């Protein structure tokens, strides 16, 4: 399985985390309005995934936001179980449609 990738400003103090199909909209949101203030840790899949892989990609001490296409934040729960990561901000969409970059920008900034 491909390793997770960190996109954007590596020294940003805010990180968006997501997996799968949120990649395009999050990267567009970063280009659109989030600039160098955020980076984006993208995971291609959930398993097998180790604590070391998770911690190697997520900058220590950063403010974390989860962007996920489901009602319960399942990937966030996986990361909690694997690496003890707790998200204060979750942007969840569960109406069957893809995120739009503008939605991500609006919710990240609110």
N, C-alpha and C. Protein backbone atom coordinates (compact mmCIF):
# COMPACT_ATOMS: atom_id res chain seq x y z
N UNK A 1 0.84 -1.18 0.00
CA UNK A 1 0.00 0.00 0.00
C UNK A 1 0.89 1.24 0.00
N UNK A 2 0.54 2.26 -0.79
CA UNK A 2 1.34 3.50 -0.78
C UNK A 2 1.36 4.14 0.60
N UNK A 3 2.49 4.75 0.91
CA UNK A 3 2.63 5.46 2.19
C UNK A 3 1.83 6.76 2.16
N UNK A 4 1.43 7.25 3.33
CA UNK A 4 0.77 8.56 3.40
C UNK A 4 1.71 9.65 2.91
N UNK A 5 1.13 10.73 2.39
CA UNK A 5 1.91 11.84 1.84
C UNK A 5 1.49 13.14 2.51
N UNK A 6 2.46 13.99 2.84
CA UNK A 6 2.18 15.31 3.39
C UNK A 6 2.35 16.34 2.28
N UNK A 7 1.25 17.03 1.93
CA UNK A 7 1.25 18.04 0.88
C UNK A 7 1.27 19.43 1.50
N UNK A 8 1.83 20.38 0.75
CA UNK A 8 1.80 21.77 1.19
C UNK A 8 3.00 22.16 2.02
N UNK A 9 2.84 23.24 2.76
CA UNK A 9 3.88 23.83 3.58
C UNK A 9 4.23 22.89 4.74
N UNK A 10 5.38 22.28 4.67
CA UNK A 10 5.79 21.30 5.69
C UNK A 10 5.93 21.93 7.08
N UNK A 11 6.16 23.24 7.15
CA UNK A 11 6.32 23.90 8.45
C UNK A 11 5.05 24.58 8.94
N UNK A 12 3.93 24.38 8.23
CA UNK A 12 2.65 24.95 8.69
C UNK A 12 2.28 24.39 10.05
N UNK A 13 1.58 25.16 10.83
CA UNK A 13 1.20 24.74 12.19
C UNK A 13 -0.21 24.13 12.24
N UNK A 14 -0.87 24.04 11.08
CA UNK A 14 -2.20 23.46 11.01
C UNK A 14 -2.21 22.38 9.94
N UNK A 15 -2.77 21.22 10.28
CA UNK A 15 -2.78 20.10 9.35
C UNK A 15 -4.18 19.58 9.14
N UNK A 16 -4.53 19.40 7.88
CA UNK A 16 -5.78 18.75 7.50
C UNK A 16 -5.45 17.29 7.25
N UNK A 17 -6.27 16.40 7.74
CA UNK A 17 -6.04 14.97 7.56
C UNK A 17 -7.24 14.36 6.86
N UNK A 18 -6.97 13.52 5.87
CA UNK A 18 -8.04 12.84 5.17
C UNK A 18 -7.52 11.63 4.43
N UNK A 19 -8.44 10.87 3.87
CA UNK A 19 -8.03 9.71 3.09
C UNK A 19 -8.93 9.58 1.87
N UNK A 20 -8.41 8.89 0.87
CA UNK A 20 -9.19 8.61 -0.33
C UNK A 20 -9.59 9.83 -1.12
N UNK A 21 -10.88 9.90 -1.43
CA UNK A 21 -11.40 10.87 -2.40
C UNK A 21 -11.42 12.33 -1.94
N UNK A 22 -11.08 12.62 -0.71
CA UNK A 22 -11.06 14.03 -0.28
C UNK A 22 -9.80 14.74 -0.77
N UNK A 23 -8.86 14.00 -1.30
CA UNK A 23 -7.57 14.58 -1.71
C UNK A 23 -7.73 15.76 -2.66
N UNK A 24 -8.43 15.59 -3.76
CA UNK A 24 -8.59 16.65 -4.76
C UNK A 24 -9.21 17.90 -4.19
N UNK A 25 -10.39 17.79 -3.54
CA UNK A 25 -11.01 18.98 -2.98
C UNK A 25 -10.17 19.68 -1.90
N UNK A 26 -9.46 18.92 -1.07
CA UNK A 26 -8.62 19.55 -0.04
C UNK A 26 -7.46 20.29 -0.69
N UNK A 27 -6.80 19.67 -1.67
CA UNK A 27 -5.69 20.35 -2.34
C UNK A 27 -6.17 21.61 -3.06
N UNK A 28 -7.36 21.55 -3.67
CA UNK A 28 -7.92 22.74 -4.31
C UNK A 28 -8.25 23.81 -3.27
N UNK A 29 -8.77 23.41 -2.12
CA UNK A 29 -9.08 24.36 -1.05
C UNK A 29 -7.81 25.04 -0.57
N UNK A 30 -6.73 24.29 -0.48
CA UNK A 30 -5.46 24.88 -0.05
C UNK A 30 -4.99 25.90 -1.08
N UNK A 31 -5.12 25.57 -2.36
CA UNK A 31 -4.73 26.52 -3.42
C UNK A 31 -5.67 27.73 -3.45
N UNK A 32 -6.95 27.48 -3.20
CA UNK A 32 -7.97 28.52 -3.30
C UNK A 32 -7.83 29.59 -2.22
N UNK A 33 -7.67 29.16 -0.96
CA UNK A 33 -7.74 30.16 0.11
C UNK A 33 -6.94 29.83 1.37
N UNK A 34 -6.47 28.62 1.50
CA UNK A 34 -5.82 28.26 2.76
C UNK A 34 -4.32 28.50 2.72
N UNK A 35 -3.77 28.62 1.53
CA UNK A 35 -2.36 28.99 1.36
C UNK A 35 -1.40 28.18 2.20
N UNK A 36 -0.34 28.82 2.63
CA UNK A 36 0.70 28.16 3.40
C UNK A 36 0.39 27.96 4.86
N UNK A 37 -0.81 28.34 5.27
CA UNK A 37 -1.19 28.21 6.67
C UNK A 37 -1.45 26.75 7.07
N UNK A 38 -1.77 25.90 6.08
CA UNK A 38 -2.11 24.50 6.31
C UNK A 38 -1.25 23.59 5.47
N UNK A 39 -1.09 22.36 5.95
CA UNK A 39 -0.61 21.28 5.10
C UNK A 39 -1.67 20.17 5.15
N UNK A 40 -1.50 19.15 4.34
CA UNK A 40 -2.51 18.11 4.21
C UNK A 40 -1.86 16.74 4.23
N UNK A 41 -2.19 15.94 5.25
CA UNK A 41 -1.72 14.57 5.34
C UNK A 41 -2.78 13.67 4.70
N UNK A 42 -2.42 13.09 3.54
CA UNK A 42 -3.36 12.25 2.81
C UNK A 42 -2.97 10.78 2.94
N UNK A 43 -3.94 9.98 3.32
CA UNK A 43 -3.76 8.54 3.45
C UNK A 43 -4.53 7.87 2.32
N UNK A 44 -3.88 6.92 1.65
CA UNK A 44 -4.53 6.21 0.55
C UNK A 44 -5.48 5.14 1.07
N UNK A 45 -5.17 4.55 2.18
CA UNK A 45 -6.02 3.51 2.76
C UNK A 45 -5.86 3.44 4.25
N UNK A 46 -6.61 2.54 4.85
CA UNK A 46 -6.62 2.44 6.31
C UNK A 46 -5.82 1.28 6.85
N UNK A 47 -5.57 0.27 6.08
CA UNK A 47 -4.89 -0.90 6.62
C UNK A 47 -4.00 -1.51 5.56
N UNK A 48 -2.87 -2.03 5.90
CA UNK A 48 -2.28 -1.97 7.24
C UNK A 48 -1.68 -0.59 7.50
N UNK A 49 -1.87 -0.08 8.67
CA UNK A 49 -1.38 1.25 9.04
C UNK A 49 -0.84 1.16 10.46
N UNK A 50 0.40 1.60 10.64
CA UNK A 50 1.03 1.51 11.96
C UNK A 50 1.12 2.89 12.61
N UNK A 51 1.31 2.88 13.91
CA UNK A 51 1.49 4.13 14.65
C UNK A 51 2.69 4.90 14.10
N UNK A 52 3.76 4.20 13.76
CA UNK A 52 4.95 4.85 13.24
C UNK A 52 4.66 5.57 11.93
N UNK A 53 3.90 4.93 11.04
CA UNK A 53 3.54 5.57 9.77
C UNK A 53 2.71 6.83 10.01
N UNK A 54 1.77 6.74 10.92
CA UNK A 54 0.89 7.88 11.22
C UNK A 54 1.70 9.02 11.81
N UNK A 55 2.50 8.74 12.80
CA UNK A 55 3.25 9.80 13.48
C UNK A 55 4.34 10.39 12.59
N UNK A 56 4.84 9.62 11.62
CA UNK A 56 5.87 10.13 10.71
C UNK A 56 5.31 11.17 9.74
N UNK A 57 4.02 11.12 9.46
CA UNK A 57 3.43 12.01 8.47
C UNK A 57 2.75 13.24 9.11
N UNK A 58 2.31 13.12 10.35
CA UNK A 58 1.58 14.21 11.01
C UNK A 58 2.55 15.02 11.86
N UNK A 59 2.72 16.30 11.53
CA UNK A 59 3.66 17.13 12.30
C UNK A 59 3.24 17.23 13.78
N UNK A 60 4.18 16.98 14.65
CA UNK A 60 3.92 17.02 16.10
C UNK A 60 3.50 18.41 16.53
N UNK A 61 2.49 18.48 17.38
CA UNK A 61 2.03 19.73 17.95
C UNK A 61 1.12 20.55 17.07
N UNK A 62 0.82 20.08 15.86
CA UNK A 62 -0.04 20.86 14.97
C UNK A 62 -1.50 20.78 15.38
N UNK A 63 -2.24 21.83 15.02
CA UNK A 63 -3.70 21.83 15.15
C UNK A 63 -4.23 20.94 14.02
N UNK A 64 -5.04 19.95 14.36
CA UNK A 64 -5.49 18.96 13.38
C UNK A 64 -6.96 19.10 13.05
N UNK A 65 -7.28 19.00 11.76
CA UNK A 65 -8.66 19.00 11.29
C UNK A 65 -8.86 17.76 10.42
N UNK A 66 -9.92 17.03 10.68
CA UNK A 66 -10.25 15.83 9.91
C UNK A 66 -11.30 16.18 8.86
N UNK A 67 -11.06 15.79 7.60
CA UNK A 67 -12.03 15.96 6.53
C UNK A 67 -12.38 14.56 6.05
N UNK A 68 -13.67 14.21 6.18
CA UNK A 68 -14.06 12.84 5.87
C UNK A 68 -15.47 12.76 5.32
N UNK A 69 -15.65 11.88 4.34
CA UNK A 69 -16.95 11.67 3.70
C UNK A 69 -17.74 10.56 4.40
N UNK A 70 -18.14 10.79 5.62
CA UNK A 70 -19.08 9.91 6.31
C UNK A 70 -19.59 10.59 7.58
N UNK A 71 -20.60 10.00 8.17
CA UNK A 71 -21.30 10.65 9.29
C UNK A 71 -20.58 10.55 10.62
N UNK A 72 -19.74 9.55 10.79
CA UNK A 72 -19.19 9.31 12.12
C UNK A 72 -17.69 9.55 12.26
N UNK A 73 -17.01 9.92 11.19
CA UNK A 73 -15.57 10.14 11.28
C UNK A 73 -14.82 8.85 11.52
N UNK A 74 -15.13 7.82 10.74
CA UNK A 74 -14.55 6.50 10.95
C UNK A 74 -13.02 6.51 10.88
N UNK A 75 -12.44 7.23 9.91
CA UNK A 75 -10.99 7.25 9.80
C UNK A 75 -10.38 7.93 11.02
N UNK A 76 -11.03 8.95 11.52
CA UNK A 76 -10.57 9.58 12.75
C UNK A 76 -10.54 8.61 13.91
N UNK A 77 -11.52 7.72 13.97
CA UNK A 77 -11.54 6.69 15.02
C UNK A 77 -10.41 5.68 14.84
N UNK A 78 -10.10 5.37 13.58
CA UNK A 78 -8.97 4.47 13.30
C UNK A 78 -7.68 5.11 13.80
N UNK A 79 -7.49 6.40 13.50
CA UNK A 79 -6.28 7.09 13.94
C UNK A 79 -6.22 7.23 15.45
N UNK A 80 -7.36 7.38 16.10
CA UNK A 80 -7.40 7.40 17.56
C UNK A 80 -6.93 6.06 18.11
N UNK A 81 -7.43 4.98 17.54
CA UNK A 81 -7.06 3.64 18.01
C UNK A 81 -5.61 3.29 17.74
N UNK A 82 -5.09 3.70 16.59
CA UNK A 82 -3.72 3.36 16.22
C UNK A 82 -2.70 4.25 16.92
N UNK A 83 -2.96 5.56 16.93
CA UNK A 83 -1.94 6.51 17.38
C UNK A 83 -2.39 7.46 18.48
N UNK A 84 -3.61 7.31 18.97
CA UNK A 84 -4.09 8.18 20.05
C UNK A 84 -4.40 9.60 19.61
N UNK A 85 -4.63 9.82 18.32
CA UNK A 85 -4.89 11.16 17.80
C UNK A 85 -6.36 11.52 18.03
N UNK A 86 -6.56 12.69 18.64
CA UNK A 86 -7.90 13.21 18.91
C UNK A 86 -8.08 14.47 18.06
N UNK A 87 -9.19 14.53 17.34
CA UNK A 87 -9.49 15.68 16.49
C UNK A 87 -10.47 16.60 17.20
N UNK A 88 -10.08 17.88 17.33
CA UNK A 88 -11.00 18.87 17.89
C UNK A 88 -11.95 19.36 16.81
N UNK A 89 -11.50 19.34 15.55
CA UNK A 89 -12.34 19.80 14.45
C UNK A 89 -12.51 18.66 13.45
N UNK A 90 -13.77 18.34 13.18
CA UNK A 90 -14.10 17.31 12.18
C UNK A 90 -15.04 17.94 11.16
N UNK A 91 -14.69 17.81 9.91
CA UNK A 91 -15.54 18.27 8.83
C UNK A 91 -16.04 17.03 8.13
N UNK A 92 -17.30 16.71 8.39
CA UNK A 92 -17.88 15.47 7.89
C UNK A 92 -18.99 15.78 6.90
N UNK A 93 -19.05 15.01 5.83
CA UNK A 93 -20.11 15.18 4.84
C UNK A 93 -20.65 13.79 4.53
N UNK A 94 -21.94 13.65 4.65
CA UNK A 94 -22.52 12.31 4.51
C UNK A 94 -23.84 12.32 3.76
N UNK A 95 -23.92 13.19 2.73
CA UNK A 95 -25.12 13.22 1.92
C UNK A 95 -24.94 12.51 0.59
N UNK A 96 -23.82 11.82 0.42
CA UNK A 96 -23.57 11.06 -0.79
C UNK A 96 -22.83 11.84 -1.87
N UNK A 97 -22.61 13.13 -1.65
CA UNK A 97 -21.90 13.92 -2.65
C UNK A 97 -20.48 14.24 -2.20
N UNK A 98 -19.65 14.56 -3.16
CA UNK A 98 -18.25 14.91 -2.93
C UNK A 98 -18.16 16.27 -2.24
N UNK A 99 -17.09 16.50 -1.51
CA UNK A 99 -16.81 17.83 -0.97
C UNK A 99 -16.50 18.78 -2.13
N UNK A 100 -16.86 20.05 -1.94
CA UNK A 100 -16.43 21.12 -2.83
C UNK A 100 -15.33 21.88 -2.09
N UNK A 101 -14.31 22.34 -2.81
CA UNK A 101 -13.22 23.07 -2.15
C UNK A 101 -13.72 24.25 -1.32
N UNK A 102 -14.72 24.97 -1.83
CA UNK A 102 -15.26 26.12 -1.11
C UNK A 102 -15.87 25.73 0.23
N UNK A 103 -16.50 24.56 0.29
CA UNK A 103 -17.07 24.05 1.55
C UNK A 103 -15.96 23.84 2.58
N UNK A 104 -14.88 23.24 2.12
CA UNK A 104 -13.77 22.95 3.03
C UNK A 104 -13.20 24.26 3.57
N UNK A 105 -12.98 25.22 2.69
CA UNK A 105 -12.45 26.52 3.13
C UNK A 105 -13.37 27.14 4.16
N UNK A 106 -14.68 27.17 3.87
CA UNK A 106 -15.66 27.78 4.77
C UNK A 106 -15.66 27.10 6.15
N UNK A 107 -15.64 25.78 6.15
CA UNK A 107 -15.72 25.05 7.43
C UNK A 107 -14.41 25.09 8.20
N UNK A 108 -13.30 25.09 7.50
CA UNK A 108 -11.99 25.19 8.17
C UNK A 108 -11.87 26.55 8.86
N UNK A 109 -12.34 27.59 8.20
CA UNK A 109 -12.19 28.95 8.74
C UNK A 109 -13.23 29.30 9.79
N UNK A 110 -14.31 28.50 9.89
CA UNK A 110 -15.36 28.83 10.87
C UNK A 110 -15.07 28.22 12.22
